[in-house]
């Protein structure tokens, strides 16, 4: 079994590769990383209450922002479905990747495309 240090190095290497492949401006990556860290801190516990509070708070945002957020969720679904297809998961996130693969398949069957939500 790999050590925590080896696992951490492997994760850092993957993150660096992902950053190199992403065509986003650096300013967006910094904002995205900060937002992801903030959400991670919110949900890093054994209660569903913070996630429920976040969902409720997002539900009170402007409807265009809700639509944009759904696009973000669709991107998360796409990324994890792709990870599932490539076998890039372990027991900690297997259920997430498998569910995302099923959601993606279901949406494609219904004619929806991830990342193709209109913005008004």
PDB file of N, CA and C in Angstrom:
ATOM      1  N   UNK A   1       0.848  -1.179   0.000  1.00  0.00           N
ATOM      2  CA  UNK A   1       0.000   0.000   0.000  1.00  0.00           C
ATOM      3  C   UNK A   1       0.896   1.246   0.000  1.00  0.00           C
ATOM      4  N   UNK A   2       0.620   2.226  -0.864  1.00  0.00           N
ATOM      5  CA  UNK A   2       1.467   3.421  -0.924  1.00  0.00           C
ATOM      6  C   UNK A   2       1.339   4.240   0.356  1.00  0.00           C
ATOM      7  N   UNK A   3       2.421   4.882   0.709  1.00  0.00           N
ATOM      8  CA  UNK A   3       2.411   5.728   1.906  1.00  0.00           C
ATOM      9  C   UNK A   3       1.627   7.009   1.634  1.00  0.00           C
ATOM     10  N   UNK A   4       1.248   7.700   2.694  1.00  0.00           N
ATOM     11  CA  UNK A   4       0.533   8.970   2.557  1.00  0.00           C
ATOM     12  C   UNK A   4       1.383   9.970   1.776  1.00  0.00           C
ATOM     13  N   UNK A   5       2.682   9.946   2.002  1.00  0.00           N
ATOM     14  CA  UNK A   5       3.585  10.860   1.293  1.00  0.00           C
ATOM     15  C   UNK A   5       3.554  10.590  -0.210  1.00  0.00           C
ATOM     16  N   UNK A   6       3.601   9.289  -0.590  1.00  0.00           N
ATOM     17  CA  UNK A   6       3.541   8.927  -2.002  1.00  0.00           C
ATOM     18  C   UNK A   6       2.202   9.325  -2.613  1.00  0.00           C
ATOM     19  N   UNK A   7       1.133   9.092  -1.861  1.00  0.00           N
ATOM     20  CA  UNK A   7      -0.200   9.470  -2.337  1.00  0.00           C
ATOM     21  C   UNK A   7      -0.280  10.970  -2.538  1.00  0.00           C
ATOM     22  N   UNK A   8       0.220  11.734  -1.584  1.00  0.00           N
ATOM     23  CA  UNK A   8       0.207  13.197  -1.678  1.00  0.00           C
ATOM     24  C   UNK A   8       1.001  13.665  -2.902  1.00  0.00           C
ATOM     25  N   UNK A   9       2.157  13.076  -3.126  1.00  0.00           N
ATOM     26  CA  UNK A   9       2.978  13.444  -4.293  1.00  0.00           C
ATOM     27  C   UNK A   9       2.232  13.141  -5.591  1.00  0.00           C
ATOM     28  N   UNK A  10       1.550  11.983  -5.644  1.00  0.00           N
ATOM     29  CA  UNK A  10       0.809  11.598  -6.837  1.00  0.00           C
ATOM     30  C   UNK A  10      -0.342  12.575  -7.092  1.00  0.00           C
ATOM     31  N   UNK A  11      -1.014  12.992  -6.028  1.00  0.00           N
ATOM     32  CA  UNK A  11      -2.112  13.948  -6.163  1.00  0.00           C
ATOM     33  C   UNK A  11      -1.577  15.295  -6.634  1.00  0.00           C
ATOM     34  N   UNK A  12      -0.498  15.754  -6.056  1.00  0.00           N
ATOM     35  CA  UNK A  12       0.111  17.015  -6.472  1.00  0.00           C
ATOM     36  C   UNK A  12       0.519  16.969  -7.942  1.00  0.00           C
ATOM     37  N   UNK A  13       1.066  15.841  -8.374  1.00  0.00           N
ATOM     38  CA  UNK A  13       1.473  15.680  -9.773  1.00  0.00           C
ATOM     39  C   UNK A  13       0.253  15.763 -10.689  1.00  0.00           C
ATOM     40  N   UNK A  14      -0.856  15.099 -10.302  1.00  0.00           N
ATOM     41  CA  UNK A  14      -2.084  15.151 -11.099  1.00  0.00           C
ATOM     42  C   UNK A  14      -2.637  16.570 -11.160  1.00  0.00           C
ATOM     43  N   UNK A  15      -2.641  17.255 -10.028  1.00  0.00           N
ATOM     44  CA  UNK A  15      -3.150  18.627 -10.004  1.00  0.00           C
ATOM     45  C   UNK A  15      -2.318  19.533 -10.910  1.00  0.00           C
ATOM     46  N   UNK A  16      -1.007  19.365 -10.868  1.00  0.00           N
ATOM     47  CA  UNK A  16      -0.139  20.169 -11.722  1.00  0.00           C
ATOM     48  C   UNK A  16      -0.430  19.893 -13.184  1.00  0.00           C
ATOM     49  N   UNK A  17      -0.622  18.607 -13.532  1.00  0.00           N
ATOM     50  CA  UNK A  17      -0.936  18.249 -14.918  1.00  0.00           C
ATOM     51  C   UNK A  17      -2.268  18.844 -15.334  1.00  0.00           C
ATOM     52  N   UNK A  18      -3.258  18.787 -14.439  1.00  0.00           N
ATOM     53  CA  UNK A  18      -4.565  19.358 -14.741  1.00  0.00           C
ATOM     54  C   UNK A  18      -4.453  20.860 -14.979  1.00  0.00           C
ATOM     55  N   UNK A  19      -3.679  21.539 -14.138  1.00  0.00           N
ATOM     56  CA  UNK A  19      -3.496  22.979 -14.295  1.00  0.00           C
ATOM     57  C   UNK A  19      -2.856  23.320 -15.632  1.00  0.00           C
ATOM     58  N   UNK A  20      -1.892  22.509 -16.057  1.00  0.00           N
ATOM     59  CA  UNK A  20      -1.220  22.743 -17.331  1.00  0.00           C
ATOM     60  C   UNK A  20      -2.173  22.547 -18.507  1.00  0.00           C
ATOM     61  N   UNK A  21      -3.116  21.620 -18.362  1.00  0.00           N
ATOM     62  CA  UNK A  21      -4.047  21.320 -19.446  1.00  0.00           C
ATOM     63  C   UNK A  21      -5.225  22.285 -19.496  1.00  0.00           C
ATOM     64  N   UNK A  22      -5.473  23.000 -18.412  1.00  0.00           N
ATOM     65  CA  UNK A  22      -6.633  23.885 -18.362  1.00  0.00           C
ATOM     66  C   UNK A  22      -6.357  25.189 -19.082  1.00  0.00           C
ATOM     67  N   UNK A  23      -7.253  25.578 -19.984  1.00  0.00           N
ATOM     68  CA  UNK A  23      -7.050  26.793 -20.763  1.00  0.00           C
ATOM     69  C   UNK A  23      -7.563  28.055 -20.056  1.00  0.00           C
ATOM     70  N   UNK A  24      -7.741  27.997 -18.750  1.00  0.00           N
ATOM     71  CA  UNK A  24      -8.319  29.116 -18.025  1.00  0.00           C
ATOM     72  C   UNK A  24      -7.260  30.121 -17.637  1.00  0.00           C
ATOM     73  N   UNK A  25      -7.712  31.333 -17.465  1.00  0.00           N
ATOM     74  CA  UNK A  25      -6.805  32.367 -16.991  1.00  0.00           C
ATOM     75  C   UNK A  25      -6.417  32.063 -15.546  1.00  0.00           C
ATOM     76  N   UNK A  26      -5.214  32.429 -15.195  1.00  0.00           N
ATOM     77  CA  UNK A  26      -4.705  32.164 -13.856  1.00  0.00           C
ATOM     78  C   UNK A  26      -5.600  32.776 -12.780  1.00  0.00           C
ATOM     79  N   UNK A  27      -6.155  33.960 -13.061  1.00  0.00           N
ATOM     80  CA  UNK A  27      -7.008  34.611 -12.062  1.00  0.00           C
ATOM     81  C   UNK A  27      -8.232  33.759 -11.748  1.00  0.00           C
ATOM     82  N   UNK A  28      -8.791  33.091 -12.746  1.00  0.00           N
ATOM     83  CA  UNK A  28      -9.943  32.226 -12.506  1.00  0.00           C
ATOM     84  C   UNK A  28      -9.542  31.003 -11.695  1.00  0.00           C
ATOM     85  N   UNK A  29      -8.375  30.457 -11.965  1.00  0.00           N
ATOM     86  CA  UNK A  29      -7.917  29.285 -11.221  1.00  0.00           C
ATOM     87  C   UNK A  29      -7.734  29.631  -9.750  1.00  0.00           C
ATOM     88  N   UNK A  30      -7.182  30.783  -9.460  1.00  0.00           N
ATOM     89  CA  UNK A  30      -6.995  31.184  -8.062  1.00  0.00           C
ATOM     90  C   UNK A  30      -8.346  31.345  -7.369  1.00  0.00           C
ATOM     91  N   UNK A  31      -9.300  31.975  -8.048  1.00  0.00           N
ATOM     92  CA  UNK A  31     -10.641  32.142  -7.474  1.00  0.00           C
ATOM     93  C   UNK A  31     -11.311  30.783  -7.296  1.00  0.00           C
ATOM     94  N   UNK A  32     -11.165  29.915  -8.292  1.00  0.00           N
ATOM     95  CA  UNK A  32     -11.783  28.596  -8.233  1.00  0.00           C
ATOM     96  C   UNK A  32     -11.192  27.763  -7.096  1.00  0.00           C
ATOM     97  N   UNK A  33      -9.881  27.808  -6.944  1.00  0.00           N
ATOM     98  CA  UNK A  33      -9.236  27.069  -5.862  1.00  0.00           C
ATOM     99  C   UNK A  33      -9.705  27.575  -4.502  1.00  0.00           C
ATOM    100  N   UNK A  34      -9.803  28.887  -4.361  1.00  0.00           N
ATOM    101  CA  UNK A  34     -10.250  29.476  -3.096  1.00  0.00           C
ATOM    102  C   UNK A  34     -11.695  29.069  -2.799  1.00  0.00           C
ATOM    103  N   UNK A  35     -12.550  29.095  -3.816  1.00  0.00           N
ATOM    104  CA  UNK A  35     -13.950  28.709  -3.630  1.00  0.00           C
ATOM    105  C   UNK A  35     -14.054  27.223  -3.279  1.00  0.00           C
ATOM    106  N   UNK A  36     -13.292  26.390  -3.973  1.00  0.00           N
ATOM    107  CA  UNK A  36     -13.310  24.952  -3.694  1.00  0.00           C
ATOM    108  C   UNK A  36     -12.836  24.671  -2.268  1.00  0.00           C
ATOM    109  N   UNK A  37     -11.809  25.380  -1.827  1.00  0.00           N
ATOM    110  CA  UNK A  37     -11.314  25.218  -0.454  1.00  0.00           C
ATOM    111  C   UNK A  37     -12.376  25.638   0.560  1.00  0.00           C
ATOM    112  N   UNK A  38     -13.079  26.716   0.269  1.00  0.00           N
ATOM    113  CA  UNK A  38     -14.115  27.199   1.175  1.00  0.00           C
ATOM    114  C   UNK A  38     -15.258  26.181   1.271  1.00  0.00           C
ATOM    115  N   UNK A  39     -15.688  25.639   0.139  1.00  0.00           N
ATOM    116  CA  UNK A  39     -16.731  24.623   0.150  1.00  0.00           C
ATOM    117  C   UNK A  39     -16.236  23.371   0.874  1.00  0.00           C
ATOM    118  N   UNK A  40     -14.990  22.975   0.636  1.00  0.00           N
ATOM    119  CA  UNK A  40     -14.427  21.799   1.298  1.00  0.00           C
ATOM    120  C   UNK A  40     -14.431  21.985   2.819  1.00  0.00           C
ATOM    121  N   UNK A  41     -14.059  23.167   3.281  1.00  0.00           N
ATOM    122  CA  UNK A  41     -14.083  23.429   4.724  1.00  0.00           C
ATOM    123  C   UNK A  41     -15.513  23.342   5.268  1.00  0.00           C
ATOM    124  N   UNK A  42     -16.476  23.816   4.495  1.00  0.00           N
ATOM    125  CA  UNK A  42     -17.873  23.791   4.922  1.00  0.00           C
ATOM    126  C   UNK A  42     -18.376  22.359   5.077  1.00  0.00           C
ATOM    127  N   UNK A  43     -18.066  21.490   4.137  1.00  0.00           N
ATOM    128  CA  UNK A  43     -18.642  20.142   4.131  1.00  0.00           C
ATOM    129  C   UNK A  43     -17.760  19.088   4.790  1.00  0.00           C
ATOM    130  N   UNK A  44     -16.603  19.454   5.300  1.00  0.00           N
ATOM    131  CA  UNK A  44     -15.673  18.491   5.889  1.00  0.00           C
ATOM    132  C   UNK A  44     -16.086  18.140   7.318  1.00  0.00           C
ATOM    133  N   UNK A  45     -17.213  17.450   7.449  1.00  0.00           N
ATOM    134  CA  UNK A  45     -17.675  16.952   8.743  1.00  0.00           C
ATOM    135  C   UNK A  45     -18.645  15.809   8.499  1.00  0.00           C
ATOM    136  N   UNK A  46     -19.171  15.248   9.557  1.00  0.00           N
ATOM    137  CA  UNK A  46     -20.034  14.072   9.423  1.00  0.00           C
ATOM    138  C   UNK A  46     -21.520  14.410   9.475  1.00  0.00           C
ATOM    139  N   UNK A  47     -21.857  15.650   9.221  1.00  0.00           N
ATOM    140  CA  UNK A  47     -23.250  16.083   9.239  1.00  0.00           C
ATOM    141  C   UNK A  47     -23.663  16.536   7.838  1.00  0.00           C
ATOM    142  N   UNK A  48     -24.925  16.340   7.512  1.00  0.00           N
ATOM    143  CA  UNK A  48     -25.458  16.823   6.239  1.00  0.00           C
ATOM    144  C   UNK A  48     -25.889  18.284   6.334  1.00  0.00           C
ATOM    145  N   UNK A  49     -25.923  18.838   7.535  1.00  0.00           N
ATOM    146  CA  UNK A  49     -26.439  20.194   7.726  1.00  0.00           C
ATOM    147  C   UNK A  49     -25.717  21.258   6.897  1.00  0.00           C
ATOM    148  N   UNK A  50     -24.373  21.259   6.843  1.00  0.00           N
ATOM    149  CA  UNK A  50     -23.702  22.290   6.028  1.00  0.00           C
ATOM    150  C   UNK A  50     -24.051  22.186   4.546  1.00  0.00           C
ATOM    151  N   UNK A  51     -24.151  20.973   4.014  1.00  0.00           N
ATOM    152  CA  UNK A  51     -24.503  20.803   2.604  1.00  0.00           C
ATOM    153  C   UNK A  51     -25.931  21.287   2.359  1.00  0.00           C
ATOM    154  N   UNK A  52     -26.836  20.965   3.275  1.00  0.00           N
ATOM    155  CA  UNK A  52     -28.221  21.418   3.144  1.00  0.00           C
ATOM    156  C   UNK A  52     -28.290  22.939   3.201  1.00  0.00           C
ATOM    157  N   UNK A  53     -27.507  23.535   4.091  1.00  0.00           N
ATOM    158  CA  UNK A  53     -27.482  24.997   4.203  1.00  0.00           C
ATOM    159  C   UNK A  53     -26.950  25.619   2.918  1.00  0.00           C
ATOM    160  N   UNK A  54     -25.914  25.009   2.327  1.00  0.00           N
ATOM    161  CA  UNK A  54     -25.358  25.518   1.079  1.00  0.00           C
ATOM    162  C   UNK A  54     -26.386  25.445  -0.042  1.00  0.00           C
ATOM    163  N   UNK A  55     -27.077  24.309  -0.132  1.00  0.00           N
ATOM    164  CA  UNK A  55     -28.099  24.139  -1.168  1.00  0.00           C
ATOM    165  C   UNK A  55     -29.189  25.196  -0.998  1.00  0.00           C
ATOM    166  N   UNK A  56     -29.616  25.418   0.221  1.00  0.00           N
ATOM    167  CA  UNK A  56     -30.646  26.433   0.479  1.00  0.00           C
ATOM    168  C   UNK A  56     -30.138  27.826   0.118  1.00  0.00           C
ATOM    169  N   UNK A  57     -28.900  28.124   0.486  1.00  0.00           N
ATOM    170  CA  UNK A  57     -28.331  29.437   0.175  1.00  0.00           C
ATOM    171  C   UNK A  57     -28.204  29.634  -1.337  1.00  0.00           C
ATOM    172  N   UNK A  58     -27.779  28.600  -2.048  1.00  0.00           N
ATOM    173  CA  UNK A  58     -27.650  28.713  -3.497  1.00  0.00           C
ATOM    174  C   UNK A  58     -29.028  28.876  -4.133  1.00  0.00           C
ATOM    175  N   UNK A  59     -30.033  28.261  -3.540  1.00  0.00           N
ATOM    176  CA  UNK A  59     -31.391  28.382  -4.043  1.00  0.00           C
ATOM    177  C   UNK A  59     -31.968  29.778  -3.923  1.00  0.00           C
ATOM    178  N   UNK A  60     -31.354  30.610  -3.099  1.00  0.00           N
ATOM    179  CA  UNK A  60     -31.836  31.984  -2.951  1.00  0.00           C
ATOM    180  C   UNK A  60     -31.055  32.970  -3.829  1.00  0.00           C
ATOM    181  N   UNK A  61     -30.102  32.457  -4.588  1.00  0.00           N
ATOM    182  CA  UNK A  61     -29.331  33.312  -5.486  1.00  0.00           C
ATOM    183  C   UNK A  61     -30.162  33.661  -6.725  1.00  0.00           C
ATOM    184  N   UNK A  62     -29.699  34.637  -7.479  1.00  0.00           N
ATOM    185  CA  UNK A  62     -30.364  35.052  -8.712  1.00  0.00           C
ATOM    186  C   UNK A  62     -30.508  33.836  -9.629  1.00  0.00           C
ATOM    187  N   UNK A  63     -31.592  33.772 -10.358  1.00  0.00           N
ATOM    188  CA  UNK A  63     -31.875  32.585 -11.186  1.00  0.00           C
ATOM    189  C   UNK A  63     -30.835  32.349 -12.277  1.00  0.00           C
ATOM    190  N   UNK A  64     -30.257  33.402 -12.802  1.00  0.00           N
ATOM    191  CA  UNK A  64     -29.181  33.208 -13.784  1.00  0.00           C
ATOM    192  C   UNK A  64     -27.975  32.564 -13.112  1.00  0.00           C
ATOM    193  N   UNK A  65     -27.688  32.973 -11.875  1.00  0.00           N
ATOM    194  CA  UNK A  65     -26.578  32.359 -11.137  1.00  0.00           C
ATOM    195  C   UNK A  65     -26.890  30.902 -10.804  1.00  0.00           C
ATOM    196  N   UNK A  66     -28.151  30.599 -10.538  1.00  0.00           N
ATOM    197  CA  UNK A  66     -28.541  29.209 -10.310  1.00  0.00           C
ATOM    198  C   UNK A  66     -28.279  28.377 -11.568  1.00  0.00           C
ATOM    199  N   UNK A  67     -28.583  28.943 -12.717  1.00  0.00           N
ATOM    200  CA  UNK A  67     -28.344  28.262 -13.992  1.00  0.00           C
ATOM    201  C   UNK A  67     -26.842  28.052 -14.195  1.00  0.00           C
ATOM    202  N   UNK A  68     -26.049  29.076 -13.907  1.00  0.00           N
ATOM    203  CA  UNK A  68     -24.591  28.958 -14.032  1.00  0.00           C
ATOM    204  C   UNK A  68     -24.041  27.911 -13.066  1.00  0.00           C
ATOM    205  N   UNK A  69     -24.595  27.885 -11.858  1.00  0.00           N
ATOM    206  CA  UNK A  69     -24.159  26.898 -10.878  1.00  0.00           C
ATOM    207  C   UNK A  69     -24.474  25.485 -11.365  1.00  0.00           C
ATOM    208  N   UNK A  70     -25.629  25.313 -11.993  1.00  0.00           N
ATOM    209  CA  UNK A  70     -25.984  23.994 -12.530  1.00  0.00           C
ATOM    210  C   UNK A  70     -24.999  23.574 -13.599  1.00  0.00           C
ATOM    211  N   UNK A  71     -24.500  24.524 -14.378  1.00  0.00           N
ATOM    212  CA  UNK A  71     -23.450  24.212 -15.344  1.00  0.00           C
ATOM    213  C   UNK A  71     -22.197  23.707 -14.652  1.00  0.00           C
ATOM    214  N   UNK A  72     -21.870  24.312 -13.512  1.00  0.00           N
ATOM    215  CA  UNK A  72     -20.728  23.863 -12.718  1.00  0.00           C
ATOM    216  C   UNK A  72     -20.964  22.437 -12.223  1.00  0.00           C
ATOM    217  N   UNK A  73     -22.175  22.169 -11.733  1.00  0.00           N
ATOM    218  CA  UNK A  73     -22.518  20.823 -11.267  1.00  0.00           C
ATOM    219  C   UNK A  73     -22.406  19.822 -12.417  1.00  0.00           C
ATOM    220  N   UNK A  74     -22.866  20.221 -13.598  1.00  0.00           N
ATOM    221  CA  UNK A  74     -22.755  19.338 -14.766  1.00  0.00           C
ATOM    222  C   UNK A  74     -21.295  19.045 -15.095  1.00  0.00           C
ATOM    223  N   UNK A  75     -20.433  20.040 -14.946  1.00  0.00           N
ATOM    224  CA  UNK A  75     -19.003  19.819 -15.153  1.00  0.00           C
ATOM    225  C   UNK A  75     -18.440  18.822 -14.159  1.00  0.00           C
ATOM    226  N   UNK A  76     -18.886  18.918 -12.908  1.00  0.00           N
ATOM    227  CA  UNK A  76     -18.468  17.975 -11.862  1.00  0.00           C
ATOM    228  C   UNK A  76     -18.930  16.565 -12.214  1.00  0.00           C
ATOM    229  N   UNK A  77     -20.172  16.453 -12.702  1.00  0.00           N
ATOM    230  CA  UNK A  77     -20.703  15.152 -13.113  1.00  0.00           C
ATOM    231  C   UNK A  77     -19.873  14.584 -14.261  1.00  0.00           C
ATOM    232  N   UNK A  78     -19.570  15.422 -15.260  1.00  0.00           N
ATOM    233  CA  UNK A  78     -18.776  14.983 -16.419  1.00  0.00           C
ATOM    234  C   UNK A  78     -17.397  14.489 -15.981  1.00  0.00           C
ATOM    235  N   UNK A  79     -16.730  15.266 -15.129  1.00  0.00           N
ATOM    236  CA  UNK A  79     -15.384  14.906 -14.694  1.00  0.00           C
ATOM    237  C   UNK A  79     -15.375  13.570 -13.955  1.00  0.00           C
ATOM    238  N   UNK A  80     -16.329  13.375 -13.050  1.00  0.00           N
ATOM    239  CA  UNK A  80     -16.354  12.137 -12.276  1.00  0.00           C
ATOM    240  C   UNK A  80     -16.831  10.954 -13.101  1.00  0.00           C
ATOM    241  N   UNK A  81     -17.712  11.182 -14.070  1.00  0.00           N
ATOM    242  CA  UNK A  81     -18.115  10.104 -14.980  1.00  0.00           C
ATOM    243  C   UNK A  81     -16.917   9.647 -15.805  1.00  0.00           C
ATOM    244  N   UNK A  82     -16.119  10.600 -16.260  1.00  0.00           N
ATOM    245  CA  UNK A  82     -14.909  10.259 -17.015  1.00  0.00           C
ATOM    246  C   UNK A  82     -13.912   9.498 -16.142  1.00  0.00           C
ATOM    247  N   UNK A  83     -13.784   9.910 -14.887  1.00  0.00           N
ATOM    248  CA  UNK A  83     -12.893   9.193 -13.966  1.00  0.00           C
ATOM    249  C   UNK A  83     -13.364   7.755 -13.777  1.00  0.00           C
ATOM    250  N   UNK A  84     -14.671   7.584 -13.678  1.00  0.00           N
ATOM    251  CA  UNK A  84     -15.224   6.240 -13.505  1.00  0.00           C
ATOM    252  C   UNK A  84     -14.899   5.380 -14.733  1.00  0.00           C
ATOM    253  N   UNK A  85     -15.081   5.953 -15.910  1.00  0.00           N
ATOM    254  CA  UNK A  85     -14.810   5.217 -17.148  1.00  0.00           C
ATOM    255  C   UNK A  85     -13.343   4.807 -17.254  1.00  0.00           C
ATOM    256  N   UNK A  86     -12.443   5.638 -16.711  1.00  0.00           N
ATOM    257  CA  UNK A  86     -11.003   5.342 -16.758  1.00  0.00           C
ATOM    258  C   UNK A  86     -10.520   4.549 -15.549  1.00  0.00           C
ATOM    259  N   UNK A  87     -11.419   4.280 -14.601  1.00  0.00           N
ATOM    260  CA  UNK A  87     -11.027   3.553 -13.399  1.00  0.00           C
ATOM    261  C   UNK A  87     -10.210   4.396 -12.436  1.00  0.00           C
ATOM    262  N   UNK A  88     -10.340   5.714 -12.505  1.00  0.00           N
ATOM    263  CA  UNK A  88      -9.554   6.618 -11.648  1.00  0.00           C
ATOM    264  C   UNK A  88     -10.357   7.005 -10.407  1.00  0.00           C
ATOM    265  N   UNK A  89     -10.596   6.031  -9.552  1.00  0.00           N
ATOM    266  CA  UNK A  89     -11.307   6.250  -8.307  1.00  0.00           C
ATOM    267  C   UNK A  89     -10.867   5.183  -7.323  1.00  0.00           C
ATOM    268  N   UNK A  90     -11.225   5.369  -6.074  1.00  0.00           N
ATOM    269  CA  UNK A  90     -10.989   4.344  -5.071  1.00  0.00           C
ATOM    270  C   UNK A  90     -12.237   4.264  -4.193  1.00  0.00           C
ATOM    271  N   UNK A  91     -12.173   3.535  -3.104  1.00  0.00           N
ATOM    272  CA  UNK A  91     -13.358   3.330  -2.277  1.00  0.00           C
ATOM    273  C   UNK A  91     -13.917   4.633  -1.704  1.00  0.00           C
ATOM    274  N   UNK A  92     -13.080   5.650  -1.546  1.00  0.00           N
ATOM    275  CA  UNK A  92     -13.549   6.912  -0.969  1.00  0.00           C
ATOM    276  C   UNK A  92     -14.470   7.679  -1.901  1.00  0.00           C
ATOM    277  N   UNK A  93     -14.294   7.538  -3.213  1.00  0.00           N
ATOM    278  CA  UNK A  93     -15.136   8.293  -4.148  1.00  0.00           C
ATOM    279  C   UNK A  93     -15.768   7.413  -5.234  1.00  0.00           C
ATOM    280  N   UNK A  94     -15.747   6.118  -5.034  1.00  0.00           N
ATOM    281  CA  UNK A  94     -16.322   5.216  -6.034  1.00  0.00           C
ATOM    282  C   UNK A  94     -17.811   5.476  -6.237  1.00  0.00           C
ATOM    283  N   UNK A  95     -18.569   5.645  -5.152  1.00  0.00           N
ATOM    284  CA  UNK A  95     -20.012   5.872  -5.277  1.00  0.00           C
ATOM    285  C   UNK A  95     -20.291   7.160  -6.044  1.00  0.00           C
ATOM    286  N   UNK A  96     -19.503   8.205  -5.794  1.00  0.00           N
ATOM    287  CA  UNK A  96     -19.668   9.472  -6.514  1.00  0.00           C
ATOM    288  C   UNK A  96     -19.421   9.273  -8.002  1.00  0.00           C
ATOM    289  N   UNK A  97     -18.316   8.639  -8.344  1.00  0.00           N
ATOM    290  CA  UNK A  97     -17.971   8.443  -9.758  1.00  0.00           C
ATOM    291  C   UNK A  97     -18.992   7.558 -10.463  1.00  0.00           C
ATOM    292  N   UNK A  98     -19.440   6.511  -9.787  1.00  0.00           N
ATOM    293  CA  UNK A  98     -20.423   5.617 -10.381  1.00  0.00           C
ATOM    294  C   UNK A  98     -21.756   6.347 -10.582  1.00  0.00           C
ATOM    295  N   UNK A  99     -22.196   7.103  -9.587  1.00  0.00           N
ATOM    296  CA  UNK A  99     -23.441   7.859  -9.724  1.00  0.00           C
ATOM    297  C   UNK A  99     -23.336   8.876 -10.851  1.00  0.00           C
ATOM    298  N   UNK A 100     -22.210   9.564 -10.949  1.00  0.00           N
ATOM    299  CA  UNK A 100     -22.015  10.548 -12.019  1.00  0.00           C
ATOM    300  C   UNK A 100     -22.073   9.885 -13.395  1.00  0.00           C
ATOM    301  N   UNK A 101     -21.494   8.697 -13.505  1.00  0.00           N
ATOM    302  CA  UNK A 101     -21.544   7.973 -14.786  1.00  0.00           C
ATOM    303  C   UNK A 101     -22.989   7.632 -15.143  1.00  0.00           C
ATOM    304  N   UNK A 102     -23.772   7.240 -14.159  1.00  0.00           N
ATOM    305  CA  UNK A 102     -25.180   6.913 -14.418  1.00  0.00           C
ATOM    306  C   UNK A 102     -25.986   8.157 -14.767  1.00  0.00           C
ATOM    307  N   UNK A 103     -25.719   9.249 -14.071  1.00  0.00           N
ATOM    308  CA  UNK A 103     -26.416  10.507 -14.373  1.00  0.00           C
ATOM    309  C   UNK A 103     -26.090  10.948 -15.797  1.00  0.00           C
ATOM    310  N   UNK A 104     -24.799  10.910 -16.153  1.00  0.00           N
ATOM    311  CA  UNK A 104     -24.387  11.310 -17.494  1.00  0.00           C
ATOM    312  C   UNK A 104     -25.081  10.449 -18.545  1.00  0.00           C
ATOM    313  N   UNK A 105     -25.094   9.154 -18.323  1.00  0.00           N
ATOM    314  CA  UNK A 105     -25.741   8.239 -19.270  1.00  0.00           C
ATOM    315  C   UNK A 105     -27.234   8.555 -19.383  1.00  0.00           C
ATOM    316  N   UNK A 106     -27.877   8.797 -18.261  1.00  0.00           N
ATOM    317  CA  UNK A 106     -29.302   9.111 -18.262  1.00  0.00           C
ATOM    318  C   UNK A 106     -29.587  10.420 -18.997  1.00  0.00           C
ATOM    319  N   UNK A 107     -28.772  11.436 -18.756  1.00  0.00           N
ATOM    320  CA  UNK A 107     -28.959  12.720 -19.427  1.00  0.00           C
ATOM    321  C   UNK A 107     -28.757  12.597 -20.927  1.00  0.00           C
ATOM    322  N   UNK A 108     -27.745  11.839 -21.328  1.00  0.00           N
ATOM    323  CA  UNK A 108     -27.493  11.649 -22.757  1.00  0.00           C
ATOM    324  C   UNK A 108     -28.648  10.898 -23.414  1.00  0.00           C
ATOM    325  N   UNK A 109     -29.229   9.934 -22.703  1.00  0.00           N
ATOM    326  CA  UNK A 109     -30.377   9.190 -23.216  1.00  0.00           C
ATOM    327  C   UNK A 109     -31.567  10.122 -23.438  1.00  0.00           C
ATOM    328  N   UNK A 110     -31.714  11.106 -22.566  1.00  0.00           N
ATOM    329  CA  UNK A 110     -32.822  12.073 -22.669  1.00  0.00           C
ATOM    330  C   UNK A 110     -32.521  13.204 -23.647  1.00  0.00           C
ATOM    331  N   UNK A 111     -31.317  13.237 -24.196  1.00  0.00           N
ATOM    332  CA  UNK A 111     -30.970  14.265 -25.170  1.00  0.00           C
ATOM    333  C   UNK A 111     -30.284  15.492 -24.592  1.00  0.00           C
ATOM    334  N   UNK A 112     -29.953  15.484 -23.309  1.00  0.00           N
ATOM    335  CA  UNK A 112     -29.249  16.608 -22.700  1.00  0.00           C
ATOM    336  C   UNK A 112     -27.751  16.443 -22.886  1.00  0.00           C
ATOM    337  N   UNK A 113     -27.067  17.569 -23.006  1.00  0.00           N
ATOM    338  CA  UNK A 113     -25.615  17.556 -23.069  1.00  0.00           C
ATOM    339  C   UNK A 113     -25.077  18.338 -21.873  1.00  0.00           C
ATOM    340  N   UNK A 114     -24.111  17.757 -21.188  1.00  0.00           N
ATOM    341  CA  UNK A 114     -23.497  18.483 -20.087  1.00  0.00           C
ATOM    342  C   UNK A 114     -22.772  19.702 -20.635  1.00  0.00           C
ATOM    343  N   UNK A 115     -22.741  20.759 -19.908  1.00  0.00           N
ATOM    344  CA  UNK A 115     -22.134  22.048 -20.278  1.00  0.00           C
ATOM    345  C   UNK A 115     -22.937  22.827 -21.294  1.00  0.00           C
ATOM    346  N   UNK A 116     -24.115  22.383 -21.669  1.00  0.00           N
ATOM    347  CA  UNK A 116     -24.880  23.079 -22.718  1.00  0.00           C
ATOM    348  C   UNK A 116     -26.133  23.722 -22.146  1.00  0.00           C
ATOM    349  N   UNK A 117     -26.059  24.312 -20.983  1.00  0.00           N
ATOM    350  CA  UNK A 117     -27.213  24.996 -20.416  1.00  0.00           C
ATOM    351  C   UNK A 117     -27.239  26.442 -20.915  1.00  0.00           C
ATOM    352  N   UNK A 118     -28.412  26.923 -21.320  1.00  0.00           N
ATOM    353  CA  UNK A 118     -28.484  28.311 -21.817  1.00  0.00           C
ATOM    354  C   UNK A 118     -28.371  29.311 -20.679  1.00  0.00           C
ATOM    355  N   UNK A 119     -27.808  30.452 -20.958  1.00  0.00           N
ATOM    356  CA  UNK A 119     -27.740  31.545 -20.006  1.00  0.00           C
ATOM    357  C   UNK A 119     -28.522  32.716 -20.600  1.00  0.00           C
ATOM    358  N   UNK A 120     -29.471  33.228 -19.849  1.00  0.00           N
ATOM    359  CA  UNK A 120     -30.332  34.308 -20.330  1.00  0.00           C
ATOM    360  C   UNK A 120     -29.929  35.592 -19.648  1.00  0.00           C
TER     361      UNK A 120
END
